[in-house]
Amino acid sequence: MSQYRHHLPQLDDRLFLTDGGLETTLVFHQGRDLPCFAAFTLLEDAAGTAILQDYYIRYLDIARQRGLGFVLETPTWRANPDWAARLGYDTAALAAANRRAVALLAQLRRDYETPATPLVISGNLGPRHDGYRADIRMSAAEARDYHRAQIGTFAATEADMVSVLTLNYTDEAIGIIRAARDCGMPVAVSFTVETDGRLPSGEPLNEAIQRTDAATESYAAYFMLNCAHPDHFAHALQDGEGWQQRLRGLRANASRRSHAELDECTELDAGDPLELGDQYRSLRLRLPALSVLGGCCGTDHRHVEAICAACG
């Protein structure tokens, strides 16, 4: 357990939902062109903002109907300097985009939060490079410097925490956690794994979490897994191992395809929502600390509804 006391409602013993695959929903279901897979660019005008607002409302309705909490993740997975530069954003424009993302979710919280459905706003980060490949890496110190600006922007907004999805090696995770601590923000760290249950860097999941905690005094509020099918990592979970208590979030794919296969897909593989819900239920029996449930690439509201039915 973390020695730090982060005041986040999803750390209590109740279930929270989060959304599914934002970018794949926009691209494959709504026909949106997302250069660099960047959803935050939709915030540039009222029409794009309305698309994002409708996306979140569909999930918030599920949470309210079920009386469950919800973690609202900003659509900023690509809103870091390297990716933004490819899209023509300078430092000031990028910071403004991250602030607009939080403002959208803050308005949704004012409109939709109830005592039975607490809403948490999380400023979402992505990896500096390709989330599926670990061939370009930073030291922990470089990662701390690189991600601090985006985390600092979120810290000055109504965001309650920050999160990072699809990390594939531990040094970037360590740097992000240290930057979050610098900014006084709770942070959730989500690793992705290949079909063998190891990070793309080759690190076993348990060692990645343990090494990251050891290097950061267990500052992270919790860890997550995302962008992998349950069949890819279920075998890596050994009953009774203490590090599993740090796993509180799961955003799995419904597709069994590998990262390399997903990269080549021209059609969406949405898998089977009901099967995914059943797999989440089985995983919660093995990982009782799991409290934040959603989806990743290829999943949508149908998958989250199935997860609710199986786990609520």
C-alpha atoms as a PDB file:
ATOM      1  CA  MET A   1       0.000   0.000   0.000  1.00  0.00           C
ATOM      2  CA  SER A   2       1.070   3.587  -0.597  1.00  0.00           C
ATOM      3  CA  GLN A   3       2.422   5.399   2.444  1.00  0.00           C
ATOM      4  CA  TYR A   4       0.850   8.598   1.079  1.00  0.00           C
ATOM      5  CA  ARG A   5      -2.765   9.401   1.874  1.00  0.00           C
ATOM      6  CA  HIS A   6      -4.479  10.429  -1.318  1.00  0.00           C
ATOM      7  CA  HIS A   7      -8.035  11.605  -0.825  1.00  0.00           C
ATOM      8  CA  LEU A   8      -9.740  10.027  -3.809  1.00  0.00           C
ATOM      9  CA  PRO A   9     -13.163   8.389  -3.489  1.00  0.00           C
ATOM     10  CA  GLN A  10     -12.219   5.460  -5.725  1.00  0.00           C
ATOM     11  CA  LEU A  11      -9.758   4.374  -3.027  1.00  0.00           C
ATOM     12  CA  ASP A  12     -12.696   3.467  -0.799  1.00  0.00           C
ATOM     13  CA  ASP A  13     -14.507   0.158  -1.052  1.00  0.00           C
ATOM     14  CA  ARG A  14     -16.936   1.034  -3.824  1.00  0.00           C
ATOM     15  CA  LEU A  15     -17.037   0.517  -7.564  1.00  0.00           C
ATOM     16  CA  PHE A  16     -16.182   3.267 -10.042  1.00  0.00           C
ATOM     17  CA  LEU A  17     -16.535   3.161 -13.785  1.00  0.00           C
ATOM     18  CA  THR A  18     -14.566   4.949 -16.443  1.00  0.00           C
ATOM     19  CA  ASP A  19     -15.068   5.119 -20.194  1.00  0.00           C
ATOM     20  CA  GLY A  20     -14.065   2.820 -23.042  1.00  0.00           C
ATOM     21  CA  GLY A  21     -11.880   3.409 -26.076  1.00  0.00           C
ATOM     22  CA  LEU A  22     -12.375   7.098 -26.833  1.00  0.00           C
ATOM     23  CA  GLU A  23     -10.204   7.304 -29.907  1.00  0.00           C
ATOM     24  CA  THR A  24     -11.378   4.049 -31.502  1.00  0.00           C
ATOM     25  CA  THR A  25     -14.996   5.077 -30.895  1.00  0.00           C
ATOM     26  CA  LEU A  26     -14.422   8.413 -32.613  1.00  0.00           C
ATOM     27  CA  VAL A  27     -12.539   6.900 -35.547  1.00  0.00           C
ATOM     28  CA  PHE A  28     -14.452   3.686 -36.229  1.00  0.00           C
ATOM     29  CA  HIS A  29     -17.965   4.427 -34.954  1.00  0.00           C
ATOM     30  CA  GLN A  30     -18.212   8.123 -35.736  1.00  0.00           C
ATOM     31  CA  GLY A  31     -15.923   8.374 -38.736  1.00  0.00           C
ATOM     32  CA  ARG A  32     -13.748  11.120 -37.240  1.00  0.00           C
ATOM     33  CA  ASP A  33     -10.287  11.775 -38.585  1.00  0.00           C
ATOM     34  CA  LEU A  34      -7.882  11.960 -35.650  1.00  0.00           C
ATOM     35  CA  PRO A  35      -4.371  12.824 -36.830  1.00  0.00           C
ATOM     36  CA  CYS A  36      -1.826  11.177 -34.521  1.00  0.00           C
ATOM     37  CA  PHE A  37      -4.800   9.559 -32.744  1.00  0.00           C
ATOM     38  CA  ALA A  38      -5.257  12.881 -30.897  1.00  0.00           C
ATOM     39  CA  ALA A  39      -8.771  13.486 -29.558  1.00  0.00           C
ATOM     40  CA  PHE A  40      -7.883  16.751 -27.807  1.00  0.00           C
ATOM     41  CA  THR A  41      -7.889  18.569 -31.151  1.00  0.00           C
ATOM     42  CA  LEU A  42     -11.704  18.346 -31.114  1.00  0.00           C
ATOM     43  CA  LEU A  43     -11.685  20.929 -28.330  1.00  0.00           C
ATOM     44  CA  GLU A  44     -10.705  23.613 -30.838  1.00  0.00           C
ATOM     45  CA  ASP A  45     -14.314  24.372 -31.802  1.00  0.00           C
ATOM     46  CA  ALA A  46     -17.851  24.076 -30.469  1.00  0.00           C
ATOM     47  CA  ALA A  47     -18.802  21.220 -32.776  1.00  0.00           C
ATOM     48  CA  GLY A  48     -15.875  19.063 -31.694  1.00  0.00           C
ATOM     49  CA  THR A  49     -16.451  19.899 -28.030  1.00  0.00           C
ATOM     50  CA  ALA A  50     -20.079  18.817 -28.382  1.00  0.00           C
ATOM     51  CA  ILE A  51     -18.951  15.467 -29.820  1.00  0.00           C
ATOM     52  CA  LEU A  52     -16.762  14.869 -26.787  1.00  0.00           C
ATOM     53  CA  GLN A  53     -19.478  16.015 -24.411  1.00  0.00           C
ATOM     54  CA  ASP A  54     -21.979  13.561 -25.903  1.00  0.00           C
ATOM     55  CA  TYR A  55     -19.395  10.784 -25.660  1.00  0.00           C
ATOM     56  CA  TYR A  56     -18.932  11.300 -21.918  1.00  0.00           C
ATOM     57  CA  ILE A  57     -22.642  11.768 -21.210  1.00  0.00           C
ATOM     58  CA  ARG A  58     -23.414   8.316 -22.582  1.00  0.00           C
ATOM     59  CA  TYR A  59     -21.118   6.791 -19.955  1.00  0.00           C
ATOM     60  CA  LEU A  60     -22.288   9.094 -17.179  1.00  0.00           C
ATOM     61  CA  ASP A  61     -25.843   7.940 -17.802  1.00  0.00           C
ATOM     62  CA  ILE A  62     -24.715   4.339 -17.246  1.00  0.00           C
ATOM     63  CA  ALA A  63     -23.041   5.270 -13.961  1.00  0.00           C
ATOM     64  CA  ARG A  64     -26.055   7.215 -12.712  1.00  0.00           C
ATOM     65  CA  GLN A  65     -28.466   4.433 -13.613  1.00  0.00           C
ATOM     66  CA  ARG A  66     -26.310   2.003 -11.644  1.00  0.00           C
ATOM     67  CA  GLY A  67     -25.546   4.347  -8.741  1.00  0.00           C
ATOM     68  CA  LEU A  68     -21.805   4.043  -9.349  1.00  0.00           C
ATOM     69  CA  GLY A  69     -18.975   6.557  -9.237  1.00  0.00           C
ATOM     70  CA  PHE A  70     -17.154   7.585 -12.384  1.00  0.00           C
ATOM     71  CA  VAL A  71     -13.608   8.673 -13.231  1.00  0.00           C
ATOM     72  CA  LEU A  72     -13.711  11.255 -16.020  1.00  0.00           C
ATOM     73  CA  GLU A  73     -10.490  11.075 -18.008  1.00  0.00           C
ATOM     74  CA  THR A  74      -9.607  14.128 -20.091  1.00  0.00           C
ATOM     75  CA  PRO A  75      -9.219  13.465 -23.853  1.00  0.00           C
ATOM     76  CA  THR A  76      -5.544  14.432 -23.663  1.00  0.00           C
ATOM     77  CA  TRP A  77      -3.667  11.155 -24.106  1.00  0.00           C
ATOM     78  CA  ARG A  78      -1.746  12.750 -26.989  1.00  0.00           C
ATOM     79  CA  ALA A  79      -1.506  16.254 -25.495  1.00  0.00           C
ATOM     80  CA  ASN A  80       2.212  16.225 -24.702  1.00  0.00           C
ATOM     81  CA  PRO A  81       4.893  18.300 -26.463  1.00  0.00           C
ATOM     82  CA  ASP A  82       6.199  15.771 -29.002  1.00  0.00           C
ATOM     83  CA  TRP A  83       2.822  14.686 -30.334  1.00  0.00           C
ATOM     84  CA  ALA A  84       1.364  18.198 -30.164  1.00  0.00           C
ATOM     85  CA  ALA A  85       4.257  19.628 -32.176  1.00  0.00           C
ATOM     86  CA  ARG A  86       3.306  17.309 -35.043  1.00  0.00           C
ATOM     87  CA  LEU A  87      -0.156  18.868 -34.908  1.00  0.00           C
ATOM     88  CA  GLY A  88       1.078  22.463 -34.904  1.00  0.00           C
ATOM     89  CA  TYR A  89       0.626  23.260 -31.203  1.00  0.00           C
ATOM     90  CA  ASP A  90       3.211  25.406 -29.447  1.00  0.00           C
ATOM     91  CA  THR A  91       3.682  25.425 -25.670  1.00  0.00           C
ATOM     92  CA  ALA A  92       0.992  28.012 -24.963  1.00  0.00           C
ATOM     93  CA  ALA A  93      -1.577  26.414 -27.272  1.00  0.00           C
ATOM     94  CA  LEU A  94      -0.939  22.993 -25.760  1.00  0.00           C
ATOM     95  CA  ALA A  95      -1.423  24.245 -22.202  1.00  0.00           C
ATOM     96  CA  ALA A  96      -4.656  25.933 -23.270  1.00  0.00           C
ATOM     97  CA  ALA A  97      -5.906  22.668 -24.803  1.00  0.00           C
ATOM     98  CA  ASN A  98      -5.220  20.767 -21.581  1.00  0.00           C
ATOM     99  CA  ARG A  99      -7.080  23.436 -19.606  1.00  0.00           C
ATOM    100  CA  ARG A 100     -10.058  23.280 -21.982  1.00  0.00           C
ATOM    101  CA  ALA A 101     -10.201  19.529 -21.526  1.00  0.00           C
ATOM    102  CA  VAL A 102     -10.546  19.880 -17.760  1.00  0.00           C
ATOM    103  CA  ALA A 103     -13.077  22.684 -18.127  1.00  0.00           C
ATOM    104  CA  LEU A 104     -15.307  20.425 -20.238  1.00  0.00           C
ATOM    105  CA  LEU A 105     -15.268  17.704 -17.585  1.00  0.00           C
ATOM    106  CA  ALA A 106     -15.730  20.198 -14.750  1.00  0.00           C
ATOM    107  CA  GLN A 107     -18.959  21.373 -16.372  1.00  0.00           C
ATOM    108  CA  LEU A 108     -20.109  17.778 -16.758  1.00  0.00           C
ATOM    109  CA  ARG A 109     -19.404  17.212 -13.067  1.00  0.00           C
ATOM    110  CA  ARG A 110     -21.524  20.200 -12.120  1.00  0.00           C
ATOM    111  CA  ASP A 111     -24.350  18.899 -14.280  1.00  0.00           C
ATOM    112  CA  TYR A 112     -24.190  15.165 -13.493  1.00  0.00           C
ATOM    113  CA  GLU A 113     -22.682  14.499 -10.078  1.00  0.00           C
ATOM    114  CA  THR A 114     -24.990  13.122  -7.397  1.00  0.00           C
ATOM    115  CA  PRO A 115     -24.331  11.732  -3.897  1.00  0.00           C
ATOM    116  CA  ALA A 116     -24.668   8.216  -5.350  1.00  0.00           C
ATOM    117  CA  THR A 117     -22.462   9.010  -8.344  1.00  0.00           C
ATOM    118  CA  PRO A 118     -19.345  10.932  -7.286  1.00  0.00           C
ATOM    119  CA  LEU A 119     -17.280  12.128 -10.237  1.00  0.00           C
ATOM    120  CA  VAL A 120     -13.492  12.346 -10.252  1.00  0.00           C
ATOM    121  CA  ILE A 121     -11.660  14.417 -12.873  1.00  0.00           C
ATOM    122  CA  SER A 122      -8.367  12.912 -14.008  1.00  0.00           C
ATOM    123  CA  GLY A 123      -5.918  14.756 -16.232  1.00  0.00           C
ATOM    124  CA  ASN A 124      -4.853  12.077 -18.679  1.00  0.00           C
ATOM    125  CA  LEU A 125      -1.294  11.670 -19.953  1.00  0.00           C
ATOM    126  CA  GLY A 126       0.069   9.309 -22.541  1.00  0.00           C
ATOM    127  CA  PRO A 127       3.554   7.987 -23.218  1.00  0.00           C
ATOM    128  CA  ARG A 128       6.035  10.296 -24.906  1.00  0.00           C
ATOM    129  CA  HIS A 129       6.576   7.838 -27.725  1.00  0.00           C
ATOM    130  CA  ASP A 130       4.685   4.845 -29.130  1.00  0.00           C
ATOM    131  CA  GLY A 131       2.732   3.067 -26.407  1.00  0.00           C
ATOM    132  CA  TYR A 132       3.186  -0.277 -28.152  1.00  0.00           C
ATOM    133  CA  ARG A 133       6.973  -0.096 -28.571  1.00  0.00           C
ATOM    134  CA  ALA A 134       9.716   0.440 -26.019  1.00  0.00           C
ATOM    135  CA  ASP A 135      12.564   0.999 -28.471  1.00  0.00           C
ATOM    136  CA  ILE A 136      12.944   4.708 -27.579  1.00  0.00           C
ATOM    137  CA  ARG A 137      13.293   5.301 -23.854  1.00  0.00           C
ATOM    138  CA  MET A 138      14.022   8.082 -21.402  1.00  0.00           C
ATOM    139  CA  SER A 139      15.723   7.949 -18.053  1.00  0.00           C
ATOM    140  CA  ALA A 140      13.484   8.578 -15.068  1.00  0.00           C
ATOM    141  CA  ALA A 141      14.996  12.065 -14.751  1.00  0.00           C
ATOM    142  CA  GLU A 142      14.239  12.857 -18.396  1.00  0.00           C
ATOM    143  CA  ALA A 143      10.687  11.598 -18.025  1.00  0.00           C
ATOM    144  CA  ARG A 144      10.184  13.729 -14.927  1.00  0.00           C
ATOM    145  CA  ASP A 145      11.280  16.862 -16.782  1.00  0.00           C
ATOM    146  CA  TYR A 146       9.334  15.997 -19.915  1.00  0.00           C
ATOM    147  CA  HIS A 147       5.935  15.330 -18.306  1.00  0.00           C
ATOM    148  CA  ARG A 148       6.096  17.953 -15.548  1.00  0.00           C
ATOM    149  CA  ALA A 149       4.658  20.765 -17.688  1.00  0.00           C
ATOM    150  CA  GLN A 150       1.456  18.908 -18.552  1.00  0.00           C
ATOM    151  CA  ILE A 151       1.020  17.726 -14.968  1.00  0.00           C
ATOM    152  CA  GLY A 152       1.621  21.277 -13.731  1.00  0.00           C
ATOM    153  CA  THR A 153      -1.069  22.554 -16.082  1.00  0.00           C
ATOM    154  CA  PHE A 154      -3.537  20.033 -14.686  1.00  0.00           C
ATOM    155  CA  ALA A 155      -2.546  20.916 -11.119  1.00  0.00           C
ATOM    156  CA  ALA A 156      -3.733  24.490 -11.703  1.00  0.00           C
ATOM    157  CA  THR A 157      -7.216  23.344 -12.803  1.00  0.00           C
ATOM    158  CA  GLU A 158     -10.150  21.514 -11.219  1.00  0.00           C
ATOM    159  CA  ALA A 159      -8.526  18.138 -11.925  1.00  0.00           C
ATOM    160  CA  ASP A 160      -8.440  15.915  -8.832  1.00  0.00           C
ATOM    161  CA  MET A 161      -5.582  13.716 -10.047  1.00  0.00           C
ATOM    162  CA  VAL A 162      -3.565  12.741 -13.085  1.00  0.00           C
ATOM    163  CA  SER A 163      -3.282   9.384 -14.781  1.00  0.00           C
ATOM    164  CA  VAL A 164      -1.058   7.931 -17.453  1.00  0.00           C
ATOM    165  CA  LEU A 165      -2.156   5.125 -19.754  1.00  0.00           C
ATOM    166  CA  THR A 166      -0.285   2.634 -21.938  1.00  0.00           C
ATOM    167  CA  LEU A 167       3.180   2.895 -20.419  1.00  0.00           C
ATOM    168  CA  ASN A 168       5.559   0.204 -21.622  1.00  0.00           C
ATOM    169  CA  TYR A 169       8.680   0.583 -19.445  1.00  0.00           C
ATOM    170  CA  THR A 170       9.257   1.527 -15.832  1.00  0.00           C
ATOM    171  CA  ASP A 171      11.588   4.538 -16.086  1.00  0.00           C
ATOM    172  CA  GLU A 172       8.898   6.666 -17.704  1.00  0.00           C
ATOM    173  CA  ALA A 173       6.466   5.628 -14.972  1.00  0.00           C
ATOM    174  CA  ILE A 174       8.982   6.564 -12.279  1.00  0.00           C
ATOM    175  CA  GLY A 175       9.597   9.962 -13.846  1.00  0.00           C
ATOM    176  CA  ILE A 176       5.882  10.716 -14.158  1.00  0.00           C
ATOM    177  CA  ILE A 177       5.236   9.785 -10.534  1.00  0.00           C
ATOM    178  CA  ARG A 178       8.066  12.030  -9.379  1.00  0.00           C
ATOM    179  CA  ALA A 179       6.710  14.895 -11.500  1.00  0.00           C
ATOM    180  CA  ALA A 180       3.233  14.376 -10.030  1.00  0.00           C
ATOM    181  CA  ARG A 181       4.690  14.479  -6.537  1.00  0.00           C
ATOM    182  CA  ASP A 182       6.513  17.711  -7.443  1.00  0.00           C
ATOM    183  CA  CYS A 183       3.146  19.194  -8.407  1.00  0.00           C
ATOM    184  CA  GLY A 184       1.247  17.784  -5.430  1.00  0.00           C
ATOM    185  CA  MET A 185      -1.075  15.680  -7.610  1.00  0.00           C
ATOM    186  CA  PRO A 186      -2.267  12.140  -6.934  1.00  0.00           C
ATOM    187  CA  VAL A 187      -1.368   9.876  -9.850  1.00  0.00           C
ATOM    188  CA  ALA A 188      -2.525   6.541 -11.245  1.00  0.00           C
ATOM    189  CA  VAL A 189      -0.106   4.649 -13.491  1.00  0.00           C
ATOM    190  CA  SER A 190      -1.311   2.167 -16.084  1.00  0.00           C
ATOM    191  CA  PHE A 191       1.034  -0.272 -17.773  1.00  0.00           C
ATOM    192  CA  THR A 192       0.244  -2.227 -20.909  1.00  0.00           C
ATOM    193  CA  VAL A 193       1.430  -5.761 -21.607  1.00  0.00           C
ATOM    194  CA  GLU A 194       1.986  -7.999 -24.604  1.00  0.00           C
ATOM    195  CA  THR A 195       0.315 -11.369 -25.133  1.00  0.00           C
ATOM    196  CA  ASP A 196       2.882 -12.977 -22.805  1.00  0.00           C
ATOM    197  CA  GLY A 197       1.859 -10.763 -19.872  1.00  0.00           C
ATOM    198  CA  ARG A 198       5.108  -8.760 -19.963  1.00  0.00           C
ATOM    199  CA  LEU A 199       5.525  -5.093 -20.747  1.00  0.00           C
ATOM    200  CA  PRO A 200       6.743  -4.349 -24.301  1.00  0.00           C
ATOM    201  CA  SER A 201      10.125  -3.664 -22.657  1.00  0.00           C
ATOM    202  CA  GLY A 202      10.189  -7.311 -21.560  1.00  0.00           C
ATOM    203  CA  GLU A 203       9.707  -6.534 -17.857  1.00  0.00           C
ATOM    204  CA  PRO A 204       7.311  -8.816 -15.958  1.00  0.00           C
ATOM    205  CA  LEU A 205       4.281  -6.916 -14.691  1.00  0.00           C
ATOM    206  CA  ASN A 206       4.928  -7.682 -11.036  1.00  0.00           C
ATOM    207  CA  GLU A 207       8.528  -6.489 -11.266  1.00  0.00           C
ATOM    208  CA  ALA A 208       7.479  -3.314 -13.083  1.00  0.00           C
ATOM    209  CA  ILE A 209       5.036  -2.355 -10.335  1.00  0.00           C
ATOM    210  CA  GLN A 210       7.405  -3.310  -7.528  1.00  0.00           C
ATOM    211  CA  ARG A 211      10.350  -1.486  -9.089  1.00  0.00           C
ATOM    212  CA  THR A 212       8.259   1.635  -9.712  1.00  0.00           C
ATOM    213  CA  ASP A 213       6.973   1.672  -6.138  1.00  0.00           C
ATOM    214  CA  ALA A 214      10.469   1.124  -4.717  1.00  0.00           C
ATOM    215  CA  ALA A 215      11.866   4.067  -6.693  1.00  0.00           C
ATOM    216  CA  THR A 216       9.052   6.463  -5.736  1.00  0.00           C
ATOM    217  CA  GLU A 217       8.311   5.579  -2.103  1.00  0.00           C
ATOM    218  CA  SER A 218       4.996   4.153  -3.324  1.00  0.00           C
ATOM    219  CA  TYR A 219       3.697   7.645  -4.093  1.00  0.00           C
ATOM    220  CA  ALA A 220       1.271   6.498  -6.819  1.00  0.00           C
ATOM    221  CA  ALA A 221      -2.314   6.300  -5.616  1.00  0.00           C
ATOM    222  CA  TYR A 222      -2.685   3.029  -7.511  1.00  0.00           C
ATOM    223  CA  PHE A 223      -1.727   1.136 -10.641  1.00  0.00           C
ATOM    224  CA  MET A 224      -3.808   0.011 -13.593  1.00  0.00           C
ATOM    225  CA  LEU A 225      -3.603  -2.224 -16.644  1.00  0.00           C
ATOM    226  CA  ASN A 226      -4.829  -1.116 -20.037  1.00  0.00           C
ATOM    227  CA  CYS A 227      -4.826  -2.016 -23.727  1.00  0.00           C
ATOM    228  CA  ALA A 228      -4.490  -5.793 -23.371  1.00  0.00           C
ATOM    229  CA  HIS A 229      -7.023  -8.608 -23.405  1.00  0.00           C
ATOM    230  CA  PRO A 230      -7.541 -10.469 -20.104  1.00  0.00           C
ATOM    231  CA  ASP A 231      -6.141 -13.632 -21.700  1.00  0.00           C
ATOM    232  CA  HIS A 232      -2.859 -11.778 -22.151  1.00  0.00           C
ATOM    233  CA  PHE A 233      -2.258 -11.129 -18.456  1.00  0.00           C
ATOM    234  CA  ALA A 234      -4.489 -13.386 -16.348  1.00  0.00           C
ATOM    235  CA  HIS A 235      -1.743 -16.006 -16.170  1.00  0.00           C
ATOM    236  CA  ALA A 236       0.668 -13.394 -14.766  1.00  0.00           C
ATOM    237  CA  LEU A 237      -1.484 -12.914 -11.668  1.00  0.00           C
ATOM    238  CA  GLN A 238      -0.445 -15.191  -8.840  1.00  0.00           C
ATOM    239  CA  ASP A 239      -2.932 -15.492  -6.010  1.00  0.00           C
ATOM    240  CA  GLY A 240      -1.816 -13.905  -2.768  1.00  0.00           C
ATOM    241  CA  GLU A 241       1.027 -11.751  -4.091  1.00  0.00           C
ATOM    242  CA  GLY A 242       1.097  -8.421  -2.267  1.00  0.00           C
ATOM    243  CA  TRP A 243       1.817  -6.271  -5.325  1.00  0.00           C
ATOM    244  CA  GLN A 244      -1.624  -7.115  -6.654  1.00  0.00           C
ATOM    245  CA  GLN A 245      -3.152  -4.945  -3.932  1.00  0.00           C
ATOM    246  CA  ARG A 246      -1.738  -1.993  -5.854  1.00  0.00           C
ATOM    247  CA  LEU A 247      -3.806  -2.895  -8.940  1.00  0.00           C
ATOM    248  CA  ARG A 248      -7.013  -0.893  -8.640  1.00  0.00           C
ATOM    249  CA  GLY A 249      -7.893  -0.154 -12.244  1.00  0.00           C
ATOM    250  CA  LEU A 250      -8.521  -2.169 -15.392  1.00  0.00           C
ATOM    251  CA  ARG A 251      -9.151  -0.918 -18.922  1.00  0.00           C
ATOM    252  CA  ALA A 252      -8.843  -4.053 -21.035  1.00  0.00           C
ATOM    253  CA  ASN A 253      -9.335  -4.632 -24.737  1.00  0.00           C
ATOM    254  CA  ALA A 254     -12.117  -6.923 -25.862  1.00  0.00           C
ATOM    255  CA  SER A 255      -9.938  -7.929 -28.821  1.00  0.00           C
ATOM    256  CA  ARG A 256      -7.427 -10.728 -28.387  1.00  0.00           C
ATOM    257  CA  ARG A 257      -5.161  -9.264 -31.047  1.00  0.00           C
ATOM    258  CA  SER A 258      -1.599  -8.354 -30.197  1.00  0.00           C
ATOM    259  CA  HIS A 259      -0.386  -4.750 -30.252  1.00  0.00           C
ATOM    260  CA  ALA A 260       1.292  -5.367 -33.600  1.00  0.00           C
ATOM    261  CA  GLU A 261      -1.935  -6.734 -35.041  1.00  0.00           C
ATOM    262  CA  LEU A 262      -3.981  -3.841 -33.645  1.00  0.00           C
ATOM    263  CA  ASP A 263      -1.572  -1.392 -35.267  1.00  0.00           C
ATOM    264  CA  GLU A 264      -2.309  -2.949 -38.653  1.00  0.00           C
ATOM    265  CA  CYS A 265      -6.093  -3.070 -38.270  1.00  0.00           C
ATOM    266  CA  THR A 266      -8.238  -1.201 -40.771  1.00  0.00           C
ATOM    267  CA  GLU A 267     -11.467  -2.511 -39.230  1.00  0.00           C
ATOM    268  CA  LEU A 268     -12.498  -2.437 -35.593  1.00  0.00           C
ATOM    269  CA  ASP A 269     -12.285  -5.634 -33.551  1.00  0.00           C
ATOM    270  CA  ALA A 270     -14.829  -5.069 -30.785  1.00  0.00           C
ATOM    271  CA  GLY A 271     -14.682  -8.603 -29.412  1.00  0.00           C
ATOM    272  CA  ASP A 272     -17.585  -9.855 -27.291  1.00  0.00           C
ATOM    273  CA  PRO A 273     -18.872  -7.411 -24.634  1.00  0.00           C
ATOM    274  CA  LEU A 274     -20.606 -10.141 -22.611  1.00  0.00           C
ATOM    275  CA  GLU A 275     -17.515 -12.333 -22.573  1.00  0.00           C
ATOM    276  CA  LEU A 276     -15.439  -9.355 -21.465  1.00  0.00           C
ATOM    277  CA  GLY A 277     -17.859  -8.662 -18.628  1.00  0.00           C
ATOM    278  CA  ASP A 278     -17.566 -12.263 -17.440  1.00  0.00           C
ATOM    279  CA  GLN A 279     -13.768 -12.030 -17.553  1.00  0.00           C
ATOM    280  CA  TYR A 280     -13.841  -8.855 -15.453  1.00  0.00           C
ATOM    281  CA  ARG A 281     -15.983 -10.622 -12.877  1.00  0.00           C
ATOM    282  CA  SER A 282     -13.460 -13.464 -12.682  1.00  0.00           C
ATOM    283  CA  LEU A 283     -10.572 -11.025 -12.370  1.00  0.00           C
ATOM    284  CA  ARG A 284     -12.269  -9.163  -9.528  1.00  0.00           C
ATOM    285  CA  LEU A 285     -12.465 -12.409  -7.585  1.00  0.00           C
ATOM    286  CA  ARG A 286      -8.686 -12.706  -7.921  1.00  0.00           C
ATOM    287  CA  LEU A 287      -7.979  -8.977  -7.560  1.00  0.00           C
ATOM    288  CA  PRO A 288     -10.360  -7.707  -4.869  1.00  0.00           C
ATOM    289  CA  ALA A 289      -8.718  -4.271  -4.876  1.00  0.00           C
ATOM    290  CA  LEU A 290     -10.018  -3.565  -8.405  1.00  0.00           C
ATOM    291  CA  SER A 291     -12.326  -0.573  -8.096  1.00  0.00           C
ATOM    292  CA  VAL A 292     -12.028   1.383 -11.386  1.00  0.00           C
ATOM    293  CA  LEU A 293     -13.366  -0.482 -14.414  1.00  0.00           C
ATOM    294  CA  GLY A 294     -13.547   0.598 -18.038  1.00  0.00           C
ATOM    295  CA  GLY A 295     -12.268  -0.355 -21.449  1.00  0.00           C
ATOM    296  CA  CYS A 296      -9.582   0.466 -23.986  1.00  0.00           C
ATOM    297  CA  CYS A 297      -9.122   0.060 -27.753  1.00  0.00           C
ATOM    298  CA  GLY A 298     -12.258  -1.174 -29.488  1.00  0.00           C
ATOM    299  CA  THR A 299     -14.517  -1.001 -26.442  1.00  0.00           C
ATOM    300  CA  ASP A 300     -17.487   1.321 -26.087  1.00  0.00           C
ATOM    301  CA  HIS A 301     -20.581   1.822 -23.917  1.00  0.00           C
ATOM    302  CA  ARG A 302     -21.787  -1.729 -24.661  1.00  0.00           C
ATOM    303  CA  HIS A 303     -18.705  -3.186 -23.038  1.00  0.00           C
ATOM    304  CA  VAL A 304     -18.963  -0.946 -19.995  1.00  0.00           C
ATOM    305  CA  GLU A 305     -22.618  -1.855 -19.605  1.00  0.00           C
ATOM    306  CA  ALA A 306     -21.689  -5.550 -19.744  1.00  0.00           C
ATOM    307  CA  ILE A 307     -18.944  -4.992 -17.166  1.00  0.00           C
ATOM    308  CA  CYS A 308     -21.507  -3.275 -14.913  1.00  0.00           C
ATOM    309  CA  ALA A 309     -23.949  -6.139 -15.270  1.00  0.00           C
ATOM    310  CA  ALA A 310     -21.261  -8.686 -14.436  1.00  0.00           C
ATOM    311  CA  CYS A 311     -19.502  -6.825 -11.624  1.00  0.00           C
ATOM    312  CA  GLY A 312     -22.050  -4.393 -10.139  1.00  0.00           C
END
